[in-house]
N, C-alpha and C. Protein backbone atom coordinates (compact mmCIF):
# COMPACT_ATOMS: atom_id res chain seq x y z
N MET A 1 146.36 107.75 94.79
CA MET A 1 145.63 108.99 94.61
C MET A 1 144.18 108.80 95.07
N LYS A 2 143.68 109.74 95.87
CA LYS A 2 142.33 109.66 96.41
C LYS A 2 141.31 109.99 95.32
N PRO A 3 140.27 109.13 95.15
CA PRO A 3 139.26 109.43 94.13
C PRO A 3 138.43 110.63 94.53
N LYS A 4 137.93 111.35 93.55
CA LYS A 4 137.06 112.48 93.84
C LYS A 4 135.74 111.98 94.40
N VAL A 5 135.08 112.85 95.15
CA VAL A 5 133.81 112.47 95.76
C VAL A 5 132.82 112.01 94.70
N SER A 6 132.80 112.68 93.57
CA SER A 6 131.84 112.31 92.52
C SER A 6 132.08 110.88 92.04
N GLN A 7 133.34 110.45 91.99
CA GLN A 7 133.65 109.09 91.57
C GLN A 7 133.17 108.10 92.63
N LEU A 8 133.34 108.45 93.90
CA LEU A 8 132.87 107.57 94.97
C LEU A 8 131.36 107.45 94.93
N PHE A 9 130.68 108.57 94.72
CA PHE A 9 129.23 108.56 94.68
C PHE A 9 128.72 107.72 93.51
N LEU A 10 129.30 107.90 92.36
CA LEU A 10 128.85 107.15 91.20
C LEU A 10 129.07 105.66 91.39
N GLY A 11 130.19 105.29 92.00
CA GLY A 11 130.45 103.88 92.26
C GLY A 11 129.41 103.30 93.21
N ALA A 12 129.06 104.05 94.24
CA ALA A 12 128.06 103.58 95.19
C ALA A 12 126.68 103.53 94.55
N LYS A 13 126.39 104.49 93.69
CA LYS A 13 125.09 104.53 93.04
C LYS A 13 124.89 103.31 92.15
N ARG A 14 125.94 102.91 91.46
CA ARG A 14 125.84 101.73 90.60
C ARG A 14 125.55 100.47 91.40
N THR A 15 126.00 100.42 92.65
CA THR A 15 125.76 99.24 93.47
C THR A 15 124.41 99.32 94.18
N LYS A 16 123.69 100.43 93.96
CA LYS A 16 122.37 100.62 94.55
C LYS A 16 122.41 100.55 96.08
N HIS A 17 123.40 101.23 96.67
CA HIS A 17 123.52 101.31 98.12
C HIS A 17 122.23 101.91 98.67
N PRO A 18 121.57 101.25 99.64
CA PRO A 18 120.26 101.71 100.12
C PRO A 18 120.27 103.11 100.70
N LYS A 19 121.35 103.53 101.36
CA LYS A 19 121.38 104.86 101.94
C LYS A 19 121.45 105.96 100.88
N LEU A 20 122.00 105.65 99.71
CA LEU A 20 122.07 106.65 98.65
C LEU A 20 120.76 106.74 97.88
N LEU A 21 119.92 105.72 98.00
CA LEU A 21 118.66 105.71 97.27
C LEU A 21 117.48 106.12 98.14
N GLU A 22 117.72 106.39 99.44
CA GLU A 22 116.60 106.74 100.31
C GLU A 22 116.01 108.08 99.93
N ARG A 23 114.78 108.30 100.35
CA ARG A 23 114.07 109.53 100.03
C ARG A 23 114.77 110.73 100.66
N LYS A 24 114.65 111.85 100.01
CA LYS A 24 115.25 113.07 100.49
C LYS A 24 114.17 114.15 100.57
N ALA A 25 114.33 115.08 101.51
CA ALA A 25 113.40 116.19 101.65
C ALA A 25 114.01 117.45 101.06
N LEU A 26 113.19 118.27 100.47
CA LEU A 26 113.64 119.52 99.87
C LEU A 26 113.63 120.62 100.92
N ILE A 27 114.75 121.35 101.03
CA ILE A 27 114.81 122.51 101.90
C ILE A 27 115.35 123.69 101.09
N SER A 28 115.07 124.88 101.55
CA SER A 28 115.60 126.09 100.92
C SER A 28 116.56 126.76 101.88
N VAL A 29 117.66 127.26 101.35
CA VAL A 29 118.68 127.90 102.17
C VAL A 29 119.11 129.19 101.48
N LEU A 30 119.16 130.26 102.24
CA LEU A 30 119.67 131.52 101.71
C LEU A 30 121.16 131.58 102.02
N MET A 31 121.96 131.90 100.99
CA MET A 31 123.40 131.97 101.15
C MET A 31 123.95 133.21 100.46
N PRO A 32 125.05 133.72 100.97
CA PRO A 32 125.70 134.84 100.28
C PRO A 32 126.18 134.39 98.90
N PRO A 33 126.12 135.27 97.91
CA PRO A 33 126.55 134.91 96.55
C PRO A 33 127.97 134.33 96.50
N ARG A 34 128.86 134.79 97.35
CA ARG A 34 130.24 134.27 97.31
C ARG A 34 130.28 132.79 97.69
N TYR A 35 129.39 132.34 98.59
CA TYR A 35 129.33 130.92 98.94
C TYR A 35 128.89 130.11 97.72
N ILE A 36 127.89 130.63 97.03
CA ILE A 36 127.36 129.92 95.86
C ILE A 36 128.42 129.85 94.76
N ASP A 37 129.15 130.94 94.58
CA ASP A 37 130.22 130.95 93.57
C ASP A 37 131.28 129.90 93.89
N GLU A 38 131.70 129.83 95.16
CA GLU A 38 132.70 128.84 95.57
C GLU A 38 132.15 127.42 95.42
N LEU A 39 130.90 127.23 95.77
CA LEU A 39 130.26 125.92 95.63
C LEU A 39 130.21 125.49 94.17
N ASP A 40 129.82 126.40 93.31
CA ASP A 40 129.79 126.11 91.88
C ASP A 40 131.18 125.78 91.34
N GLY A 41 132.19 126.44 91.89
CA GLY A 41 133.56 126.14 91.49
C GLY A 41 133.95 124.71 91.84
N LEU A 42 133.58 124.26 93.04
CA LEU A 42 133.86 122.87 93.44
C LEU A 42 133.15 121.87 92.53
N VAL A 43 131.93 122.20 92.16
CA VAL A 43 131.17 121.33 91.26
C VAL A 43 131.82 121.30 89.88
N SER A 44 132.17 122.46 89.36
CA SER A 44 132.76 122.50 88.02
C SER A 44 134.13 121.83 87.96
N GLU A 45 134.84 121.80 89.09
CA GLU A 45 136.14 121.10 89.15
C GLU A 45 135.97 119.59 89.30
N GLY A 46 134.74 119.13 89.50
CA GLY A 46 134.48 117.70 89.58
C GLY A 46 134.58 117.12 90.98
N HIS A 47 134.63 117.96 91.99
CA HIS A 47 134.69 117.46 93.37
C HIS A 47 133.34 116.88 93.81
N TYR A 48 132.27 117.42 93.25
CA TYR A 48 130.91 116.98 93.57
C TYR A 48 130.11 116.92 92.28
N LEU A 49 129.04 116.12 92.30
CA LEU A 49 128.18 116.01 91.13
C LEU A 49 127.37 117.27 90.89
N ASN A 50 126.93 117.90 91.99
CA ASN A 50 126.09 119.08 91.89
C ASN A 50 126.08 119.79 93.24
N ARG A 51 125.38 120.92 93.30
CA ARG A 51 125.31 121.68 94.56
C ARG A 51 124.71 120.86 95.69
N SER A 52 123.65 120.13 95.38
CA SER A 52 122.97 119.34 96.42
C SER A 52 123.91 118.33 97.06
N GLU A 53 124.69 117.64 96.24
CA GLU A 53 125.61 116.65 96.77
C GLU A 53 126.66 117.31 97.66
N ALA A 54 127.17 118.45 97.25
CA ALA A 54 128.17 119.17 98.04
C ALA A 54 127.58 119.59 99.39
N ILE A 55 126.37 120.10 99.36
CA ILE A 55 125.73 120.55 100.60
C ILE A 55 125.42 119.36 101.51
N ARG A 56 124.95 118.24 100.94
CA ARG A 56 124.71 117.03 101.76
C ARG A 56 125.98 116.57 102.44
N MET A 57 127.09 116.57 101.71
CA MET A 57 128.36 116.14 102.30
C MET A 57 128.81 117.10 103.40
N ALA A 58 128.60 118.39 103.19
CA ALA A 58 128.98 119.38 104.21
C ALA A 58 128.16 119.18 105.48
N ILE A 59 126.87 118.94 105.33
CA ILE A 59 126.01 118.70 106.50
C ILE A 59 126.40 117.39 107.18
N HIS A 60 126.70 116.38 106.39
CA HIS A 60 127.16 115.09 106.93
C HIS A 60 128.40 115.31 107.80
N ASP A 61 129.37 116.06 107.28
CA ASP A 61 130.59 116.32 108.03
C ASP A 61 130.32 117.16 109.28
N LEU A 62 129.42 118.12 109.19
CA LEU A 62 129.05 118.92 110.35
C LEU A 62 128.45 118.05 111.44
N LEU A 63 127.52 117.19 111.06
CA LEU A 63 126.89 116.31 112.04
C LEU A 63 127.92 115.41 112.71
N LEU A 64 128.84 114.90 111.93
CA LEU A 64 129.88 114.05 112.51
C LEU A 64 130.75 114.82 113.49
N SER A 65 131.12 116.02 113.14
CA SER A 65 132.04 116.76 114.00
C SER A 65 131.36 117.41 115.21
N GLU A 66 130.11 117.77 115.10
CA GLU A 66 129.44 118.52 116.16
C GLU A 66 128.51 117.70 117.05
N LYS A 67 127.89 116.68 116.50
CA LYS A 67 126.81 116.03 117.22
C LYS A 67 127.08 114.60 117.67
N VAL A 68 128.06 113.95 117.12
CA VAL A 68 128.24 112.53 117.39
C VAL A 68 129.35 112.32 118.39
N ASP A 69 129.07 111.53 119.41
CA ASP A 69 130.08 111.18 120.39
C ASP A 69 131.20 110.42 119.70
N VAL A 70 132.44 110.64 120.11
CA VAL A 70 133.60 110.04 119.47
C VAL A 70 133.50 108.53 119.38
N LYS A 71 133.00 107.87 120.41
CA LYS A 71 132.96 106.40 120.38
C LYS A 71 131.96 105.85 119.36
N TYR A 72 131.02 106.67 118.91
CA TYR A 72 130.04 106.22 117.93
C TYR A 72 130.34 106.74 116.52
N ARG A 73 131.39 107.51 116.36
CA ARG A 73 131.67 108.18 115.09
C ARG A 73 131.80 107.22 113.91
N ASP A 74 132.51 106.10 114.06
CA ASP A 74 132.68 105.16 112.96
C ASP A 74 131.35 104.55 112.53
N LYS A 75 130.54 104.13 113.49
CA LYS A 75 129.23 103.55 113.16
C LYS A 75 128.35 104.58 112.47
N PHE A 76 128.33 105.79 112.98
CA PHE A 76 127.50 106.85 112.42
C PHE A 76 127.90 107.16 111.00
N SER A 77 129.18 107.21 110.73
CA SER A 77 129.68 107.52 109.39
C SER A 77 129.23 106.48 108.38
N GLN A 78 129.27 105.20 108.74
CA GLN A 78 128.88 104.14 107.84
C GLN A 78 127.38 104.19 107.54
N VAL A 79 126.58 104.50 108.53
CA VAL A 79 125.14 104.52 108.36
C VAL A 79 124.66 105.75 107.60
N TRP A 80 125.32 106.88 107.80
CA TRP A 80 124.83 108.14 107.24
C TRP A 80 125.35 108.47 105.87
N LEU A 81 126.12 107.65 105.25
CA LEU A 81 126.58 107.95 103.89
C LEU A 81 125.39 108.13 103.02
């Protein structure tokens, strides 16, 4: 059975993985209420720790699928966690 993202994050946080502890910048995003409702549902089901974590993972996946050349995808994924 695949662990939930929140379990993976907590495990990595306990090991003090440097990429999870790096500084983060605050941004504001306007979203339709239905997106926020769905996002909150994922958080309440335990898929993510909070909205921020869910949005970071979504952006991570977007960058992997849209911007990274296929031959570099594995390296990029390891570095950008």
